[in-house]
C-alpha atoms as a PDB file:
ATOM      1  CA  UNK A   1      11.881   5.461  17.412  1.00  0.00           C
ATOM      2  CA  UNK A   2      13.806   3.434  14.833  1.00  0.00           C
ATOM      3  CA  UNK A   3      14.087   4.328  11.161  1.00  0.00           C
ATOM      4  CA  UNK A   4      12.185   1.688   9.183  1.00  0.00           C
ATOM      5  CA  UNK A   5      11.134   0.908   5.636  1.00  0.00           C
ATOM      6  CA  UNK A   6       7.616  -0.248   4.775  1.00  0.00           C
ATOM      7  CA  UNK A   7       5.788  -1.202   1.601  1.00  0.00           C
ATOM      8  CA  UNK A   8       2.901   0.835   0.279  1.00  0.00           C
ATOM      9  CA  UNK A   9       0.701   0.008  -2.692  1.00  0.00           C
ATOM     10  CA  UNK A  10      -1.566   2.607  -4.209  1.00  0.00           C
ATOM     11  CA  UNK A  11      -4.372   0.401  -5.503  1.00  0.00           C
ATOM     12  CA  UNK A  12      -6.212   0.445  -8.863  1.00  0.00           C
ATOM     13  CA  UNK A  13      -9.173   2.493  -7.588  1.00  0.00           C
ATOM     14  CA  UNK A  14      -6.818   5.338  -6.647  1.00  0.00           C
ATOM     15  CA  UNK A  15      -4.587   5.185  -9.732  1.00  0.00           C
ATOM     16  CA  UNK A  16      -7.680   5.142 -11.960  1.00  0.00           C
ATOM     17  CA  UNK A  17      -8.740   8.447 -10.380  1.00  0.00           C
ATOM     18  CA  UNK A  18      -5.248  10.025 -10.598  1.00  0.00           C
ATOM     19  CA  UNK A  19      -4.863  10.240  -6.815  1.00  0.00           C
ATOM     20  CA  UNK A  20      -1.192   9.180  -6.683  1.00  0.00           C
ATOM     21  CA  UNK A  21       0.091  12.690  -5.980  1.00  0.00           C
ATOM     22  CA  UNK A  22      -2.517  13.373  -3.287  1.00  0.00           C
ATOM     23  CA  UNK A  23      -1.793  10.044  -1.581  1.00  0.00           C
ATOM     24  CA  UNK A  24       1.962  10.632  -1.720  1.00  0.00           C
ATOM     25  CA  UNK A  25       1.522  14.129  -0.300  1.00  0.00           C
ATOM     26  CA  UNK A  26      -0.147  12.608   2.774  1.00  0.00           C
ATOM     27  CA  UNK A  27       2.780  10.220   3.290  1.00  0.00           C
ATOM     28  CA  UNK A  28       5.313  13.021   2.896  1.00  0.00           C
ATOM     29  CA  UNK A  29       3.399  15.392   5.177  1.00  0.00           C
ATOM     30  CA  UNK A  30       3.538  12.681   7.856  1.00  0.00           C
ATOM     31  CA  UNK A  31       7.334  12.572   7.544  1.00  0.00           C
ATOM     32  CA  UNK A  32       7.641   9.483   5.378  1.00  0.00           C
ATOM     33  CA  UNK A  33      10.117   9.605   2.503  1.00  0.00           C
ATOM     34  CA  UNK A  34       9.455   7.711  -0.744  1.00  0.00           C
ATOM     35  CA  UNK A  35      12.721   5.884  -1.431  1.00  0.00           C
ATOM     36  CA  UNK A  36      11.492   3.635  -4.271  1.00  0.00           C
ATOM     37  CA  UNK A  37       8.457   3.718  -6.517  1.00  0.00           C
ATOM     38  CA  UNK A  38       7.191   2.057  -9.680  1.00  0.00           C
ATOM     39  CA  UNK A  39       3.948   1.749 -11.600  1.00  0.00           C
ATOM     40  CA  UNK A  40       2.971  -1.824 -12.475  1.00  0.00           C
ATOM     41  CA  UNK A  41       0.030  -3.700 -13.909  1.00  0.00           C
ATOM     42  CA  UNK A  42       0.178  -6.849 -11.805  1.00  0.00           C
ATOM     43  CA  UNK A  43      -0.578 -10.263 -13.249  1.00  0.00           C
ATOM     44  CA  UNK A  44      -2.957 -12.692 -11.595  1.00  0.00           C
ATOM     45  CA  UNK A  45      -0.039 -14.990 -10.736  1.00  0.00           C
ATOM     46  CA  UNK A  46       1.889 -12.200  -9.007  1.00  0.00           C
ATOM     47  CA  UNK A  47      -1.143 -11.033  -7.002  1.00  0.00           C
ATOM     48  CA  UNK A  48      -1.988 -14.598  -5.969  1.00  0.00           C
ATOM     49  CA  UNK A  49       1.559 -15.102  -4.731  1.00  0.00           C
ATOM     50  CA  UNK A  50       1.690 -11.731  -2.934  1.00  0.00           C
ATOM     51  CA  UNK A  51      -1.615 -12.293  -1.123  1.00  0.00           C
ATOM     52  CA  UNK A  52      -1.077 -16.049  -0.630  1.00  0.00           C
ATOM     53  CA  UNK A  53      -1.491 -15.625   3.136  1.00  0.00           C
ATOM     54  CA  UNK A  54      -5.179 -14.821   2.467  1.00  0.00           C
ATOM     55  CA  UNK A  55      -5.871 -17.655  -0.014  1.00  0.00           C
ATOM     56  CA  UNK A  56      -8.341 -19.444   2.273  1.00  0.00           C
ATOM     57  CA  UNK A  57     -10.288 -16.324   3.195  1.00  0.00           C
ATOM     58  CA  UNK A  58     -13.637 -15.571   1.545  1.00  0.00           C
ATOM     59  CA  UNK A  59     -12.480 -12.251   0.037  1.00  0.00           C
ATOM     60  CA  UNK A  60      -9.348 -13.675  -1.649  1.00  0.00           C
ATOM     61  CA  UNK A  61     -10.705 -14.133  -5.193  1.00  0.00           C
ATOM     62  CA  UNK A  62     -12.331 -10.693  -5.191  1.00  0.00           C
ATOM     63  CA  UNK A  63      -9.073  -9.172  -3.921  1.00  0.00           C
ATOM     64  CA  UNK A  64      -7.094 -10.809  -6.713  1.00  0.00           C
ATOM     65  CA  UNK A  65      -9.580  -9.631  -9.358  1.00  0.00           C
ATOM     66  CA  UNK A  66      -9.518  -6.102  -7.969  1.00  0.00           C
ATOM     67  CA  UNK A  67      -5.721  -5.890  -7.809  1.00  0.00           C
ATOM     68  CA  UNK A  68      -5.349  -6.938 -11.457  1.00  0.00           C
ATOM     69  CA  UNK A  69      -8.087  -4.545 -12.639  1.00  0.00           C
ATOM     70  CA  UNK A  70      -5.672  -1.698 -13.329  1.00  0.00           C
ATOM     71  CA  UNK A  71      -2.227  -0.289 -12.612  1.00  0.00           C
ATOM     72  CA  UNK A  72      -0.880   0.080  -9.090  1.00  0.00           C
ATOM     73  CA  UNK A  73       1.987   2.070  -7.586  1.00  0.00           C
ATOM     74  CA  UNK A  74       4.290  -0.020  -5.418  1.00  0.00           C
ATOM     75  CA  UNK A  75       6.600   2.004  -3.253  1.00  0.00           C
ATOM     76  CA  UNK A  76       8.870   1.905  -0.261  1.00  0.00           C
ATOM     77  CA  UNK A  77       8.359   4.477   2.468  1.00  0.00           C
ATOM     78  CA  UNK A  78      11.106   5.271   4.986  1.00  0.00           C
ATOM     79  CA  UNK A  79      10.943   7.101   8.279  1.00  0.00           C
ATOM     80  CA  UNK A  80      10.743   6.841  12.035  1.00  0.00           C
ATOM     81  CA  UNK A  81       8.343   4.016  12.890  1.00  0.00           C
ATOM     82  CA  UNK A  82       7.394   3.841   9.192  1.00  0.00           C
ATOM     83  CA  UNK A  83       5.229   0.711   9.490  1.00  0.00           C
ATOM     84  CA  UNK A  84       2.907   2.173  12.115  1.00  0.00           C
ATOM     85  CA  UNK A  85       3.078   5.709  10.681  1.00  0.00           C
ATOM     86  CA  UNK A  86       1.964   4.381   7.292  1.00  0.00           C
ATOM     87  CA  UNK A  87      -0.916   2.484   8.908  1.00  0.00           C
ATOM     88  CA  UNK A  88      -1.982   5.640  10.750  1.00  0.00           C
ATOM     89  CA  UNK A  89      -1.893   7.723   7.562  1.00  0.00           C
ATOM     90  CA  UNK A  90      -3.861   5.042   5.661  1.00  0.00           C
ATOM     91  CA  UNK A  91      -6.618   4.760   8.265  1.00  0.00           C
ATOM     92  CA  UNK A  92      -8.849   1.806   9.097  1.00  0.00           C
ATOM     93  CA  UNK A  93      -9.470  -0.806   6.391  1.00  0.00           C
ATOM     94  CA  UNK A  94     -13.159   0.072   6.428  1.00  0.00           C
ATOM     95  CA  UNK A  95     -13.303   3.695   5.269  1.00  0.00           C
ATOM     96  CA  UNK A  96     -16.449   4.344   7.317  1.00  0.00           C
ATOM     97  CA  UNK A  97     -14.378   3.593  10.435  1.00  0.00           C
ATOM     98  CA  UNK A  98     -11.302   5.548   9.325  1.00  0.00           C
ATOM     99  CA  UNK A  99     -10.318   8.787  11.035  1.00  0.00           C
ATOM    100  CA  UNK A 100     -10.846  12.111   9.299  1.00  0.00           C
ATOM    101  CA  UNK A 101      -7.883  13.146   7.180  1.00  0.00           C
ATOM    102  CA  UNK A 102      -6.700   9.603   6.490  1.00  0.00           C
ATOM    103  CA  UNK A 103      -6.239   8.259   2.973  1.00  0.00           C
ATOM    104  CA  UNK A 104      -9.042   5.741   3.267  1.00  0.00           C
ATOM    105  CA  UNK A 105     -11.491   8.227   4.782  1.00  0.00           C
ATOM    106  CA  UNK A 106     -10.852  10.715   1.986  1.00  0.00           C
ATOM    107  CA  UNK A 107     -10.289   8.488  -1.058  1.00  0.00           C
ATOM    108  CA  UNK A 108     -11.577   4.925  -0.573  1.00  0.00           C
ATOM    109  CA  UNK A 109     -14.603   3.890  -2.598  1.00  0.00           C
ATOM    110  CA  UNK A 110     -15.441   0.909  -0.389  1.00  0.00           C
ATOM    111  CA  UNK A 111     -13.930  -1.555   2.070  1.00  0.00           C
ATOM    112  CA  UNK A 112     -12.615  -3.518  -0.935  1.00  0.00           C
ATOM    113  CA  UNK A 113     -11.538  -0.540  -3.048  1.00  0.00           C
ATOM    114  CA  UNK A 114      -9.822   1.229  -0.167  1.00  0.00           C
ATOM    115  CA  UNK A 115      -7.076   2.911  -2.215  1.00  0.00           C
ATOM    116  CA  UNK A 116      -3.953   1.670  -0.385  1.00  0.00           C
ATOM    117  CA  UNK A 117      -2.170  -1.353   1.039  1.00  0.00           C
ATOM    118  CA  UNK A 118       0.459  -1.116   3.747  1.00  0.00           C
ATOM    119  CA  UNK A 119       2.614  -3.670   5.518  1.00  0.00           C
ATOM    120  CA  UNK A 120       1.177  -4.681   8.896  1.00  0.00           C
ATOM    121  CA  UNK A 121       4.469  -5.474  10.657  1.00  0.00           C
ATOM    122  CA  UNK A 122       8.182  -4.845  10.238  1.00  0.00           C
ATOM    123  CA  UNK A 123       8.714  -8.520   9.348  1.00  0.00           C
ATOM    124  CA  UNK A 124       6.037  -8.362   6.626  1.00  0.00           C
ATOM    125  CA  UNK A 125       7.411  -5.026   5.415  1.00  0.00           C
ATOM    126  CA  UNK A 126      10.796  -6.626   4.775  1.00  0.00           C
ATOM    127  CA  UNK A 127       9.206  -9.582   2.957  1.00  0.00           C
ATOM    128  CA  UNK A 128       6.862  -7.385   0.909  1.00  0.00           C
ATOM    129  CA  UNK A 129       9.618  -4.948  -0.079  1.00  0.00           C
ATOM    130  CA  UNK A 130      11.802  -7.859  -1.188  1.00  0.00           C
ATOM    131  CA  UNK A 131       8.863  -9.210  -3.212  1.00  0.00           C
ATOM    132  CA  UNK A 132       8.744  -6.097  -5.418  1.00  0.00           C
ATOM    133  CA  UNK A 133      12.162  -4.435  -5.153  1.00  0.00           C
ATOM    134  CA  UNK A 134      15.845  -5.282  -5.499  1.00  0.00           C
ATOM    135  CA  UNK A 135      18.119  -3.642  -2.926  1.00  0.00           C
ATOM    136  CA  UNK A 136      19.686  -1.478  -5.655  1.00  0.00           C
ATOM    137  CA  UNK A 137      16.283   0.149  -6.267  1.00  0.00           C
ATOM    138  CA  UNK A 138      16.019   1.542  -2.716  1.00  0.00           C
ATOM    139  CA  UNK A 139      17.392   5.066  -2.847  1.00  0.00           C
ATOM    140  CA  UNK A 140      18.088   6.042   0.739  1.00  0.00           C
END
């Protein structure tokens, strides 16, 4: 399997509860390496631009409000098949459908406050990483 980079965001519900270390431990246990990381309080404009693909969906405004409600951790994970590995470690979007041991099963408060975001494809991973990080910030 190819070595890939993927974007991960630890969302406001998880940072509010000091779960960053526990979430990162799950990524690292799965063989993913954190090669860039920063804590940000995103503005409404930034969140709207990042999630622009969802702007016509009914949950968009609630998503924007949630993502600006507190600090997030944006990070780049690297490893074999990182995009799919990250999605496996995160678990299903709906925590009630997530597998035992996944981040969302253990930490999500709801389908909206589900603790983490992860890129859904290699193409989106590249775009999302470039949205938040300069190449010089990726420490391979």
